[in-house]
C-alpha atoms as a PDB file:
ATOM      1  CA  MET A   1     121.658 192.200  93.528  1.00  0.00           C
ATOM      2  CA  LYS A   2     124.831 192.246  95.600  1.00  0.00           C
ATOM      3  CA  TYR A   3     126.013 189.399  97.802  1.00  0.00           C
ATOM      4  CA  LEU A   4     128.630 189.124 100.533  1.00  0.00           C
ATOM      5  CA  ILE A   5     130.698 185.936 100.547  1.00  0.00           C
ATOM      6  CA  MET A   6     133.120 185.389 103.405  1.00  0.00           C
ATOM      7  CA  VAL A   7     135.879 182.804 102.987  1.00  0.00           C
ATOM      8  CA  SER A   8     138.194 181.576 105.727  1.00  0.00           C
ATOM      9  CA  HIS A   9     140.263 178.916 107.369  1.00  0.00           C
ATOM     10  CA  GLY A  10     138.543 177.081 110.211  1.00  0.00           C
ATOM     11  CA  ARG A  11     135.174 178.425 111.297  1.00  0.00           C
ATOM     12  CA  PHE A  12     136.121 182.118 111.263  1.00  0.00           C
ATOM     13  CA  ALA A  13     133.723 183.166 108.476  1.00  0.00           C
ATOM     14  CA  GLU A  14     130.891 181.184 110.077  1.00  0.00           C
ATOM     15  CA  GLY A  15     131.479 182.977 113.382  1.00  0.00           C
ATOM     16  CA  VAL A  16     131.482 186.382 111.698  1.00  0.00           C
ATOM     17  CA  LYS A  17     128.239 185.511 109.924  1.00  0.00           C
ATOM     18  CA  THR A  18     126.616 184.488 113.222  1.00  0.00           C
ATOM     19  CA  SER A  19     127.711 187.773 114.795  1.00  0.00           C
ATOM     20  CA  LEU A  20     126.407 189.740 111.792  1.00  0.00           C
ATOM     21  CA  GLU A  21     122.962 188.309 112.411  1.00  0.00           C
ATOM     22  CA  MET A  22     123.005 189.910 115.873  1.00  0.00           C
ATOM     23  CA  PHE A  23     123.755 193.349 114.418  1.00  0.00           C
ATOM     24  CA  ALA A  24     122.176 193.311 110.963  1.00  0.00           C
ATOM     25  CA  GLY A  25     119.348 190.835 111.321  1.00  0.00           C
ATOM     26  CA  ASP A  26     118.932 187.624 109.445  1.00  0.00           C
ATOM     27  CA  ALA A  27     120.956 188.091 106.267  1.00  0.00           C
ATOM     28  CA  ASN A  28     121.017 184.429 105.268  1.00  0.00           C
ATOM     29  CA  ASP A  29     119.769 185.084 101.763  1.00  0.00           C
ATOM     30  CA  ARG A  30     122.629 187.480 100.793  1.00  0.00           C
ATOM     31  CA  VAL A  31     125.492 186.747 103.185  1.00  0.00           C
ATOM     32  CA  PHE A  32     127.382 183.483 102.944  1.00  0.00           C
ATOM     33  CA  ALA A  33     130.250 181.878 104.832  1.00  0.00           C
ATOM     34  CA  LEU A  34     132.478 179.264 103.228  1.00  0.00           C
ATOM     35  CA  CYS A  35     135.124 177.690 105.422  1.00  0.00           C
ATOM     36  CA  LEU A  36     137.997 175.308 104.896  1.00  0.00           C
ATOM     37  CA  HIS A  37     137.527 173.269 108.063  1.00  0.00           C
ATOM     38  CA  ASN A  38     140.390 171.660 109.937  1.00  0.00           C
ATOM     39  CA  GLY A  39     141.259 168.283 108.469  1.00  0.00           C
ATOM     40  CA  LYS A  40     139.756 169.045 105.053  1.00  0.00           C
ATOM     41  CA  SER A  41     141.825 169.406 101.898  1.00  0.00           C
ATOM     42  CA  ALA A  42     141.777 172.155  99.284  1.00  0.00           C
ATOM     43  CA  ASP A  43     140.089 169.610  96.983  1.00  0.00           C
ATOM     44  CA  ASP A  44     137.350 169.078  99.598  1.00  0.00           C
ATOM     45  CA  PHE A  45     136.873 172.829  99.783  1.00  0.00           C
ATOM     46  CA  LYS A  46     136.810 173.125  95.987  1.00  0.00           C
ATOM     47  CA  LYS A  47     133.913 170.635  95.923  1.00  0.00           C
ATOM     48  CA  GLU A  48     132.121 172.652  98.626  1.00  0.00           C
ATOM     49  CA  VAL A  49     132.485 175.856  96.585  1.00  0.00           C
ATOM     50  CA  GLU A  50     131.258 174.098  93.429  1.00  0.00           C
ATOM     51  CA  ASP A  51     128.252 172.767  95.354  1.00  0.00           C
ATOM     52  CA  PHE A  52     127.573 176.254  96.746  1.00  0.00           C
ATOM     53  CA  LEU A  53     127.557 177.766  93.256  1.00  0.00           C
ATOM     54  CA  ASP A  54     125.370 174.946  91.905  1.00  0.00           C
ATOM     55  CA  LYS A  55     122.873 175.517  94.724  1.00  0.00           C
ATOM     56  CA  HIS A  56     122.571 179.274  94.203  1.00  0.00           C
ATOM     57  CA  SER A  57     121.325 180.553  90.910  1.00  0.00           C
ATOM     58  CA  PHE A  58     123.088 183.880  90.653  1.00  0.00           C
ATOM     59  CA  LYS A  59     121.859 186.133  87.891  1.00  0.00           C
ATOM     60  CA  ASP A  60     123.980 187.749  85.180  1.00  0.00           C
ATOM     61  CA  ASN A  61     123.798 191.185  86.821  1.00  0.00           C
ATOM     62  CA  ASP A  62     124.582 190.015  90.387  1.00  0.00           C
ATOM     63  CA  GLU A  63     127.735 191.375  92.026  1.00  0.00           C
ATOM     64  CA  PHE A  64     129.857 190.048  94.854  1.00  0.00           C
ATOM     65  CA  ILE A  65     131.902 191.369  97.734  1.00  0.00           C
ATOM     66  CA  VAL A  66     134.279 188.626  98.805  1.00  0.00           C
ATOM     67  CA  LEU A  67     135.969 188.917 102.202  1.00  0.00           C
ATOM     68  CA  ALA A  68     138.779 186.556 103.124  1.00  0.00           C
ATOM     69  CA  ASP A  69     140.783 186.004 106.247  1.00  0.00           C
ATOM     70  CA  ILE A  70     144.093 185.918 104.353  1.00  0.00           C
ATOM     71  CA  ILE A  71     144.978 187.021 100.838  1.00  0.00           C
ATOM     72  CA  GLY A  72     146.854 184.146  99.192  1.00  0.00           C
ATOM     73  CA  GLY A  73     145.526 181.504 101.571  1.00  0.00           C
ATOM     74  CA  SER A  74     144.244 178.247 100.150  1.00  0.00           C
ATOM     75  CA  PRO A  75     140.569 178.948 100.984  1.00  0.00           C
ATOM     76  CA  LEU A  76     140.604 182.184  98.999  1.00  0.00           C
ATOM     77  CA  THR A  77     142.709 180.945  96.097  1.00  0.00           C
ATOM     78  CA  THR A  78     140.551 177.831  95.785  1.00  0.00           C
ATOM     79  CA  PHE A  79     137.364 179.886  95.967  1.00  0.00           C
ATOM     80  CA  LEU A  80     138.621 182.382  93.369  1.00  0.00           C
ATOM     81  CA  ASN A  81     139.653 179.613  90.967  1.00  0.00           C
ATOM     82  CA  VAL A  82     136.164 178.093  91.075  1.00  0.00           C
ATOM     83  CA  PHE A  83     134.533 181.524  90.940  1.00  0.00           C
ATOM     84  CA  SER A  84     136.613 182.354  87.863  1.00  0.00           C
ATOM     85  CA  GLU A  85     135.797 179.021  86.192  1.00  0.00           C
ATOM     86  CA  ASN A  86     132.116 179.948  86.597  1.00  0.00           C
ATOM     87  CA  GLY A  87     132.599 183.382  85.016  1.00  0.00           C
ATOM     88  CA  LEU A  88     131.873 185.312  88.215  1.00  0.00           C
ATOM     89  CA  LEU A  89     135.254 186.807  89.122  1.00  0.00           C
ATOM     90  CA  ASN A  90     134.863 189.910  86.943  1.00  0.00           C
ATOM     91  CA  ARG A  91     131.752 190.845  88.973  1.00  0.00           C
ATOM     92  CA  ALA A  92     133.507 190.701  92.340  1.00  0.00           C
ATOM     93  CA  VAL A  93     135.708 192.802  94.571  1.00  0.00           C
ATOM     94  CA  VAL A  94     137.949 190.811  96.888  1.00  0.00           C
ATOM     95  CA  LEU A  95     139.273 192.040 100.227  1.00  0.00           C
ATOM     96  CA  GLY A  96     141.616 190.289 102.639  1.00  0.00           C
ATOM     97  CA  GLY A  97     142.221 190.681 106.345  1.00  0.00           C
ATOM     98  CA  MET A  98     138.545 190.249 107.176  1.00  0.00           C
ATOM     99  CA  ASN A  99     137.369 191.570 110.510  1.00  0.00           C
ATOM    100  CA  PHE A 100     133.907 192.053 111.961  1.00  0.00           C
ATOM    101  CA  THR A 101     133.742 195.787 111.246  1.00  0.00           C
ATOM    102  CA  MET A 102     134.597 195.157 107.592  1.00  0.00           C
ATOM    103  CA  ALA A 103     131.905 192.500 107.284  1.00  0.00           C
ATOM    104  CA  LEU A 104     129.277 194.616 109.074  1.00  0.00           C
ATOM    105  CA  THR A 105     130.002 197.622 106.865  1.00  0.00           C
ATOM    106  CA  ALA A 106     129.703 195.502 103.733  1.00  0.00           C
ATOM    107  CA  THR A 107     126.489 193.852 104.923  1.00  0.00           C
ATOM    108  CA  VAL A 108     124.631 197.049 105.752  1.00  0.00           C
ATOM    109  CA  SER A 109     125.829 198.659 102.500  1.00  0.00           C
ATOM    110  CA  LEU A 110     124.688 195.964 100.075  1.00  0.00           C
ATOM    111  CA  ASP A 111     121.619 197.946  99.028  1.00  0.00           C
ATOM    112  CA  THR A 112     123.011 201.456  99.225  1.00  0.00           C
ATOM    113  CA  MET A 113     126.428 201.422  97.507  1.00  0.00           C
ATOM    114  CA  ASP A 114     128.088 199.989  94.419  1.00  0.00           C
ATOM    115  CA  LYS A 115     130.587 197.190  95.035  1.00  0.00           C
ATOM    116  CA  GLU A 116     133.662 199.419  94.619  1.00  0.00           C
ATOM    117  CA  THR A 117     132.337 201.946  97.155  1.00  0.00           C
ATOM    118  CA  ILE A 118     131.484 199.112  99.552  1.00  0.00           C
ATOM    119  CA  ALA A 119     135.043 197.836  99.236  1.00  0.00           C
ATOM    120  CA  LYS A 120     136.556 201.265  99.855  1.00  0.00           C
ATOM    121  CA  THR A 121     134.264 201.993 102.806  1.00  0.00           C
ATOM    122  CA  ALA A 122     134.694 198.539 104.354  1.00  0.00           C
ATOM    123  CA  LEU A 123     138.494 198.820 104.169  1.00  0.00           C
ATOM    124  CA  SER A 124     138.430 202.264 105.745  1.00  0.00           C
ATOM    125  CA  GLU A 125     136.132 201.157 108.560  1.00  0.00           C
ATOM    126  CA  ALA A 126     138.190 198.013 109.142  1.00  0.00           C
ATOM    127  CA  LYS A 127     141.399 200.030 109.475  1.00  0.00           C
ATOM    128  CA  THR A 128     139.743 202.466 111.876  1.00  0.00           C
ATOM    129  CA  ALA A 129     138.497 199.601 114.048  1.00  0.00           C
ATOM    130  CA  VAL A 130     141.969 198.143 114.518  1.00  0.00           C
ATOM    131  CA  GLN A 131     143.462 199.991 117.449  1.00  0.00           C
ATOM    132  CA  GLN A 132     144.715 199.475 120.942  1.00  0.00           C
ATOM    133  CA  TYR A 133     142.203 200.008 123.709  1.00  0.00           C
ATOM    134  CA  GLU A 134     143.516 202.459 126.273  1.00  0.00           C
ATOM    135  CA  ILE A 135     142.731 201.270 129.782  1.00  0.00           C
ATOM    136  CA  PRO A 136     142.063 204.219 132.069  1.00  0.00           C
ATOM    137  CA  SER A 137     144.696 204.484 134.774  1.00  0.00           C
ATOM    138  CA  SER A 138     143.712 204.443 138.425  1.00  0.00           C
ATOM    139  CA  GLU A 139     144.834 208.093 138.569  1.00  0.00           C
ATOM    140  CA  ASP A 140     142.058 208.968 136.110  1.00  0.00           C
ATOM    141  CA  ASN A 141     139.549 207.461 138.531  1.00  0.00           C
ATOM    142  CA  ASP A 142     140.857 209.283 141.604  1.00  0.00           C
ATOM    143  CA  ASP A 143     138.659 212.281 140.786  1.00  0.00           C
ATOM    144  CA  ASP A 144     135.597 210.096 141.341  1.00  0.00           C
ATOM    145  CA  ASP A 145     136.559 209.659 145.019  1.00  0.00           C
ATOM    146  CA  ASP A 146     135.856 213.360 145.659  1.00  0.00           C
ATOM    147  CA  ILE A 147     132.201 213.079 144.717  1.00  0.00           C
END
């Protein structure tokens, strides 16, 4: 089985998870959010990750898509250290620069794609989603006055 684990500073991953539930239904059993909350230390977060892994009995053939807000940030590096200590890192793909489109793509693809294809597709969709919205000028709306 494949799982999505989102890791972030603050409550970012929790907010993305809440939004995912609006679009992809209740994915609580396969989508997780781990956050380094304001005022907590990396050691506090390490304990949270250890508790998370102790609570979930992942099987030997389970795979993981890990999305992080920032590559190199303390939440991700702490998470990956604990993940590695538990022998899980070699079954994961890790992506940084998490956005909602990336997380949604990964979530809806958990059952239909292998982890490498999910990573490639999620990155592509995330890049496509990042763009400037073009506000129509008032000149574009002038044609509506003739109706």
